[in-house]
């Protein structure tokens, strides 16, 4: 283990993250009543330029008047390359009270981008006497952002999570796709011709594997939550499930929901199963007994478990307990 201690971001359930346009007054109450762990109220891509001033007002009103329960609430501001970011931060932070938990920064390209928003947010918090510090969610959705992802992840103590924005990332890298997430039939491997001369098999691959895996490493190395972004075809539940499972296996804690139907899928996929929780508790019990007996490792059900197993089991049980508490 390195001498450097990784400071973990505040523990939050982040299995599902529902995107809600700030310009839609009808959708805001529905989002507050949803089963999503996190709701982000959007001022960026989902809001037309002429609608952004009213969207800010809608979001401020929602944060002051709606009951979001135990959800984490975030606001996605516009990018640093737009004329809207300043007013987004000022108007929301000065008027939204303490219900706001996070600010989501899109298209982060360099650590300096995070520093700039941190400075602005800090100035507003100090001027307004805000006691609750707002955290940051950062979307990696450009080639520049992926190049600088490790510096970005460490850029501010406000940072809590990294998100993979697949659509803009595809555009930035000029990837050969127009879909928002999911596989591509041209990204695959063709097997050799069998000795018997039979048909060759073609296996689809995951063209987003590298990007998500790299994001997970940068996030975990800096104590942040890695979150997979949108899956555009909300009519394809099985496609969403497959993509979310791949991201979860790589280490992502959650996934965006761009439609309410995706919330229960994300919650299910990013929650430990009852079997996994029982196994984790058994590991902790076995290791506790081993420590009493002065052993550093022990076998359970024919498998070796050691102190690394304890860390894995503790994290899983902690997440299960948070979900149980949410109810």
Protein backbone atom coordinates (compact mmCIF):
# COMPACT_ATOMS: atom_id res chain seq x y z
CA UNK A 1 0.00 0.00 0.00
CA UNK A 2 1.29 3.47 -0.86
CA UNK A 3 2.12 5.90 1.91
CA UNK A 4 -0.31 8.32 0.23
CA UNK A 5 -3.79 8.17 1.72
CA UNK A 6 -6.67 8.59 -0.72
CA UNK A 7 -9.33 10.89 0.68
CA UNK A 8 -12.72 9.42 -0.15
CA UNK A 9 -15.56 11.67 -1.34
CA UNK A 10 -18.63 11.88 0.89
CA UNK A 11 -20.49 8.58 0.84
CA UNK A 12 -23.66 8.86 -1.25
CA UNK A 13 -25.85 6.33 -2.97
CA UNK A 14 -25.35 6.93 -6.68
CA UNK A 15 -26.88 3.84 -8.35
CA UNK A 16 -29.13 5.92 -10.61
CA UNK A 17 -28.82 9.54 -11.68
CA UNK A 18 -31.91 11.03 -13.31
CA UNK A 19 -31.50 13.85 -15.83
CA UNK A 20 -34.29 16.46 -15.76
CA UNK A 21 -34.54 19.54 -18.01
CA UNK A 22 -34.77 22.70 -15.92
CA UNK A 23 -37.09 24.15 -18.54
CA UNK A 24 -39.77 21.52 -17.86
CA UNK A 25 -41.94 22.60 -14.94
CA UNK A 26 -43.98 19.38 -15.26
CA UNK A 27 -41.00 17.06 -14.94
CA UNK A 28 -39.40 18.66 -11.89
CA UNK A 29 -42.01 17.45 -9.35
CA UNK A 30 -41.95 13.98 -10.93
CA UNK A 31 -38.18 13.86 -10.53
CA UNK A 32 -38.46 14.85 -6.86
CA UNK A 33 -40.89 11.97 -6.29
CA UNK A 34 -38.89 9.41 -8.29
CA UNK A 35 -36.85 6.48 -6.98
CA UNK A 36 -33.57 7.89 -8.30
CA UNK A 37 -30.67 8.19 -5.88
CA UNK A 38 -29.45 11.40 -7.53
CA UNK A 39 -31.35 13.94 -9.61
CA UNK A 40 -29.56 16.49 -11.74
CA UNK A 41 -31.54 19.50 -12.86
CA UNK A 42 -30.22 20.46 -16.26
CA UNK A 43 -29.37 23.92 -17.55
CA UNK A 44 -27.15 22.69 -20.37
CA UNK A 45 -27.91 20.44 -23.36
CA UNK A 46 -31.58 19.78 -22.54
CA UNK A 47 -32.40 23.52 -22.44
CA UNK A 48 -32.60 25.76 -25.52
CA UNK A 49 -30.61 29.02 -25.31
CA UNK A 50 -33.71 31.23 -25.13
CA UNK A 51 -35.13 29.10 -22.31
CA UNK A 52 -32.08 29.18 -20.01
CA UNK A 53 -33.08 32.25 -17.93
CA UNK A 54 -36.50 30.74 -17.14
CA UNK A 55 -34.92 27.33 -16.50
CA UNK A 56 -32.73 28.89 -13.80
CA UNK A 57 -35.81 30.35 -12.15
CA UNK A 58 -37.61 27.00 -12.35
CA UNK A 59 -34.69 25.22 -10.71
CA UNK A 60 -34.40 27.78 -7.92
CA UNK A 61 -38.12 27.45 -7.24
CA UNK A 62 -37.90 23.65 -7.28
CA UNK A 63 -34.99 23.62 -4.83
CA UNK A 64 -36.88 25.92 -2.47
CA UNK A 65 -40.34 24.37 -2.71
CA UNK A 66 -40.18 20.69 -3.74
CA UNK A 67 -39.55 17.83 -1.34
CA UNK A 68 -36.66 15.79 -2.77
CA UNK A 69 -36.60 13.52 0.26
CA UNK A 70 -33.25 11.84 0.84
CA UNK A 71 -32.12 12.27 -2.76
CA UNK A 72 -28.87 13.96 -3.69
CA UNK A 73 -29.71 17.01 -5.84
CA UNK A 74 -27.36 18.42 -8.45
CA UNK A 75 -27.56 21.16 -11.07
CA UNK A 76 -25.78 20.78 -14.40
CA UNK A 77 -24.50 24.21 -15.39
CA UNK A 78 -23.42 25.25 -18.87
CA UNK A 79 -19.84 24.88 -20.05
CA UNK A 80 -17.00 27.28 -19.43
CA UNK A 81 -16.93 28.11 -23.15
CA UNK A 82 -20.48 29.54 -23.05
CA UNK A 83 -21.87 32.90 -21.86
CA UNK A 84 -24.25 31.11 -19.47
CA UNK A 85 -22.04 29.56 -16.78
CA UNK A 86 -21.60 32.71 -14.71
CA UNK A 87 -25.31 33.39 -14.34
CA UNK A 88 -26.00 29.68 -13.74
CA UNK A 89 -23.70 29.58 -10.72
CA UNK A 90 -24.61 33.00 -9.34
CA UNK A 91 -28.38 32.74 -9.62
CA UNK A 92 -28.68 29.17 -8.39
CA UNK A 93 -26.25 29.41 -5.48
CA UNK A 94 -27.47 32.79 -4.30
CA UNK A 95 -31.14 31.83 -4.32
CA UNK A 96 -31.48 28.06 -3.92
CA UNK A 97 -30.91 27.70 -0.19
CA UNK A 98 -29.11 24.69 1.28
CA UNK A 99 -30.99 21.93 -0.56
CA UNK A 100 -28.47 21.92 -3.41
CA UNK A 101 -25.80 19.25 -2.91
CA UNK A 102 -23.76 19.24 -6.11
CA UNK A 103 -22.91 21.18 -9.25
CA UNK A 104 -22.29 19.15 -12.41
CA UNK A 105 -19.68 20.67 -14.73
CA UNK A 106 -19.91 19.50 -18.37
CA UNK A 107 -17.13 19.02 -20.91
CA UNK A 108 -14.31 19.43 -18.41
CA UNK A 109 -11.10 19.60 -20.43
CA UNK A 110 -8.39 20.62 -17.97
CA UNK A 111 -7.82 20.88 -14.25
CA UNK A 112 -7.93 24.67 -14.68
CA UNK A 113 -11.60 24.40 -15.70
CA UNK A 114 -12.42 22.87 -12.33
CA UNK A 115 -10.27 25.45 -10.53
CA UNK A 116 -12.14 28.29 -12.24
CA UNK A 117 -15.58 27.03 -11.21
CA UNK A 118 -14.27 26.27 -7.72
CA UNK A 119 -13.13 29.88 -7.37
CA UNK A 120 -16.50 31.22 -8.46
CA UNK A 121 -18.47 28.87 -6.20
CA UNK A 122 -16.20 29.65 -3.24
CA UNK A 123 -16.71 33.39 -3.74
CA UNK A 124 -20.51 32.99 -3.78
CA UNK A 125 -20.52 30.72 -0.72
CA UNK A 126 -18.39 33.17 1.23
CA UNK A 127 -20.41 36.20 0.14
CA UNK A 128 -23.72 34.52 1.00
CA UNK A 129 -22.49 32.95 4.22
CA UNK A 130 -23.46 29.48 3.02
CA UNK A 131 -22.59 26.83 5.58
CA UNK A 132 -23.06 23.79 3.32
CA UNK A 133 -20.21 23.27 0.85
CA UNK A 134 -21.35 22.29 -2.64
CA UNK A 135 -19.58 19.35 -4.26
CA UNK A 136 -18.67 18.84 -7.92
CA UNK A 137 -19.65 16.21 -10.48
CA UNK A 138 -17.40 16.31 -13.55
CA UNK A 139 -18.35 15.00 -16.98
CA UNK A 140 -15.52 13.64 -19.12
CA UNK A 141 -16.86 13.96 -22.64
CA UNK A 142 -14.03 15.22 -24.84
CA UNK A 143 -10.67 13.91 -26.02
CA UNK A 144 -9.03 16.77 -24.10
CA UNK A 145 -10.82 15.77 -20.92
CA UNK A 146 -9.80 12.13 -21.29
CA UNK A 147 -6.20 13.16 -21.93
CA UNK A 148 -6.17 15.19 -18.69
CA UNK A 149 -8.51 13.01 -16.64
CA UNK A 150 -6.07 12.24 -13.82
CA UNK A 151 -5.27 15.91 -13.21
CA UNK A 152 -8.97 16.78 -13.46
CA UNK A 153 -9.91 14.16 -10.86
CA UNK A 154 -7.45 15.71 -8.39
CA UNK A 155 -8.23 19.35 -9.21
CA UNK A 156 -10.48 20.27 -6.26
CA UNK A 157 -11.47 18.98 -2.82
CA UNK A 158 -15.06 19.60 -3.98
CA UNK A 159 -14.80 16.78 -6.53
CA UNK A 160 -17.09 13.84 -5.80
CA UNK A 161 -17.67 11.96 -9.05
CA UNK A 162 -16.54 11.49 -12.64
CA UNK A 163 -19.11 10.77 -15.37
CA UNK A 164 -18.59 9.44 -18.88
CA UNK A 165 -20.48 11.54 -21.43
CA UNK A 166 -20.54 9.11 -24.31
CA UNK A 167 -22.31 11.21 -26.98
CA UNK A 168 -20.06 14.26 -26.90
CA UNK A 169 -17.04 12.03 -26.40
CA UNK A 170 -17.91 10.18 -29.59
CA UNK A 171 -18.22 13.48 -31.44
CA UNK A 172 -14.95 14.77 -29.98
CA UNK A 173 -13.02 11.67 -30.98
CA UNK A 174 -14.82 11.45 -34.34
CA UNK A 175 -15.95 7.94 -33.50
CA UNK A 176 -17.89 6.16 -36.21
CA UNK A 177 -21.26 6.09 -34.47
CA UNK A 178 -24.38 8.19 -34.03
CA UNK A 179 -25.87 6.18 -31.16
CA UNK A 180 -25.73 7.38 -27.55
CA UNK A 181 -23.99 4.51 -25.79
CA UNK A 182 -24.22 0.82 -26.47
CA UNK A 183 -22.30 -1.38 -28.93
CA UNK A 184 -21.51 -0.91 -32.60
CA UNK A 185 -21.83 -3.80 -35.07
CA UNK A 186 -18.58 -2.78 -36.78
CA UNK A 187 -16.58 -3.00 -33.55
CA UNK A 188 -15.96 -6.73 -33.31
CA UNK A 189 -13.56 -9.61 -33.75
CA UNK A 190 -13.78 -12.20 -36.51
CA UNK A 191 -12.45 -15.64 -35.56
CA UNK A 192 -10.14 -17.66 -37.76
CA UNK A 193 -11.61 -20.11 -40.24
CA UNK A 194 -12.26 -23.40 -38.42
CA UNK A 195 -10.18 -26.41 -39.51
CA UNK A 196 -13.34 -28.12 -40.69
CA UNK A 197 -14.03 -25.20 -43.01
CA UNK A 198 -17.13 -24.13 -41.11
CA UNK A 199 -18.43 -20.63 -40.65
CA UNK A 200 -16.33 -18.04 -38.83
CA UNK A 201 -17.81 -16.41 -35.72
CA UNK A 202 -18.09 -12.65 -35.27
CA UNK A 203 -18.10 -11.30 -31.70
CA UNK A 204 -19.22 -7.78 -30.95
CA UNK A 205 -17.00 -5.79 -28.61
CA UNK A 206 -17.54 -2.80 -26.34
CA UNK A 207 -16.10 0.26 -28.04
CA UNK A 208 -16.39 2.26 -24.79
CA UNK A 209 -14.40 -0.19 -22.65
CA UNK A 210 -11.15 1.79 -22.64
CA UNK A 211 -12.77 5.13 -21.85
CA UNK A 212 -14.86 3.79 -18.97
CA UNK A 213 -11.99 1.74 -17.54
CA UNK A 214 -9.68 4.75 -17.62
CA UNK A 215 -12.32 6.92 -15.95
CA UNK A 216 -12.78 4.32 -13.20
CA UNK A 217 -9.04 4.28 -12.47
CA UNK A 218 -8.83 8.08 -12.29
CA UNK A 219 -11.90 8.26 -10.07
CA UNK A 220 -10.87 5.53 -7.64
CA UNK A 221 -7.28 6.81 -7.41
CA UNK A 222 -8.71 10.11 -6.15
CA UNK A 223 -11.54 8.79 -3.97
CA UNK A 224 -14.30 9.73 -6.41
CA UNK A 225 -17.38 7.84 -7.64
CA UNK A 226 -17.20 6.70 -11.31
CA UNK A 227 -20.61 6.95 -13.01
CA UNK A 228 -21.54 5.74 -16.49
CA UNK A 229 -23.48 8.25 -18.56
CA UNK A 230 -26.56 8.02 -20.80
CA UNK A 231 -27.94 5.17 -22.88
CA UNK A 232 -29.97 6.89 -25.56
CA UNK A 233 -32.49 4.22 -26.58
CA UNK A 234 -34.76 4.25 -23.54
CA UNK A 235 -37.10 1.78 -25.28
CA UNK A 236 -34.33 -0.87 -25.16
CA UNK A 237 -34.30 -2.08 -21.57
CA UNK A 238 -32.09 -5.06 -22.32
CA UNK A 239 -29.56 -2.90 -24.13
CA UNK A 240 -29.48 -0.53 -21.15
CA UNK A 241 -29.05 -3.49 -18.80
CA UNK A 242 -26.14 -4.88 -20.82
CA UNK A 243 -24.32 -1.54 -20.95
CA UNK A 244 -24.90 -0.83 -17.26
CA UNK A 245 -23.66 -4.29 -16.31
CA UNK A 246 -20.45 -3.81 -18.30
CA UNK A 247 -19.79 -0.48 -16.60
CA UNK A 248 -20.62 -1.91 -13.18
CA UNK A 249 -18.24 -4.84 -13.67
CA UNK A 250 -15.46 -2.35 -14.48
CA UNK A 251 -16.12 -0.47 -11.23
CA UNK A 252 -18.79 2.16 -11.93
CA UNK A 253 -21.14 2.82 -9.01
CA UNK A 254 -24.09 3.97 -11.06
CA UNK A 255 -25.55 5.05 -14.38
CA UNK A 256 -27.58 7.92 -15.74
CA UNK A 257 -31.28 7.58 -16.40
CA UNK A 258 -32.56 9.83 -19.18
CA UNK A 259 -36.05 8.35 -18.81
CA UNK A 260 -37.89 7.26 -15.64
CA UNK A 261 -38.09 3.67 -16.94
CA UNK A 262 -34.31 3.40 -16.62
CA UNK A 263 -34.26 4.23 -12.89
CA UNK A 264 -35.29 0.81 -11.52
CA UNK A 265 -32.89 -0.91 -13.93
CA UNK A 266 -29.96 1.21 -12.75
CA UNK A 267 -30.90 0.74 -9.10
CA UNK A 268 -31.09 -3.02 -9.51
CA UNK A 269 -27.89 -3.44 -11.50
CA UNK A 270 -25.79 -1.25 -9.21
CA UNK A 271 -26.97 -2.84 -5.97
CA UNK A 272 -25.31 -5.93 -4.46
CA UNK A 273 -27.40 -9.10 -4.59
CA UNK A 274 -28.63 -10.79 -1.41
CA UNK A 275 -26.23 -13.63 -2.11
CA UNK A 276 -23.28 -11.24 -2.42
CA UNK A 277 -24.21 -9.50 0.82
CA UNK A 278 -24.51 -12.80 2.70
CA UNK A 279 -21.12 -13.86 1.35
CA UNK A 280 -19.57 -10.54 2.36
CA UNK A 281 -20.91 -10.82 5.89
CA UNK A 282 -19.59 -14.39 6.10
CA UNK A 283 -16.15 -13.15 5.01
CA UNK A 284 -16.13 -10.49 7.73
CA UNK A 285 -17.15 -13.03 10.36
CA UNK A 286 -14.51 -15.52 9.21
CA UNK A 287 -11.77 -12.91 9.19
CA UNK A 288 -12.77 -11.62 12.60
CA UNK A 289 -12.38 -15.15 13.94
CA UNK A 290 -9.05 -15.56 12.12
CA UNK A 291 -7.72 -12.38 13.70
CA UNK A 292 -8.63 -13.67 17.15
CA UNK A 293 -6.59 -16.75 16.33
CA UNK A 294 -3.65 -14.70 15.03
CA UNK A 295 -4.11 -15.67 11.38
CA UNK A 296 -3.68 -13.32 8.43
CA UNK A 297 -5.68 -15.42 6.01
CA UNK A 298 -8.30 -18.14 6.15
CA UNK A 299 -10.33 -20.29 3.77
CA UNK A 300 -14.09 -20.00 3.37
CA UNK A 301 -16.07 -22.41 1.21
CA UNK A 302 -12.84 -23.67 -0.29
CA UNK A 303 -11.54 -20.20 -1.25
CA UNK A 304 -8.71 -18.13 0.23
CA UNK A 305 -9.69 -14.86 1.88
CA UNK A 306 -7.29 -12.30 3.31
CA UNK A 307 -7.18 -8.63 4.29
CA UNK A 308 -7.97 -7.54 0.71
CA UNK A 309 -11.13 -9.61 1.01
CA UNK A 310 -12.07 -7.64 4.12
CA UNK A 311 -11.90 -4.32 2.26
CA UNK A 312 -14.06 -5.65 -0.55
CA UNK A 313 -16.59 -7.14 1.86
CA UNK A 314 -16.75 -3.99 3.98
CA UNK A 315 -17.47 -1.82 0.96
CA UNK A 316 -20.20 -4.15 -0.24
CA UNK A 317 -21.87 -4.38 3.17
CA UNK A 318 -21.67 -0.60 3.61
CA UNK A 319 -23.48 -0.09 0.30
CA UNK A 320 -26.10 -2.69 1.20
CA UNK A 321 -26.71 -0.94 4.52
CA UNK A 322 -27.12 2.43 2.77
CA UNK A 323 -29.68 0.92 0.38
CA UNK A 324 -31.56 -0.71 3.25
CA UNK A 325 -31.66 2.58 5.11
CA UNK A 326 -33.07 4.32 2.03
CA UNK A 327 -35.89 1.76 2.01
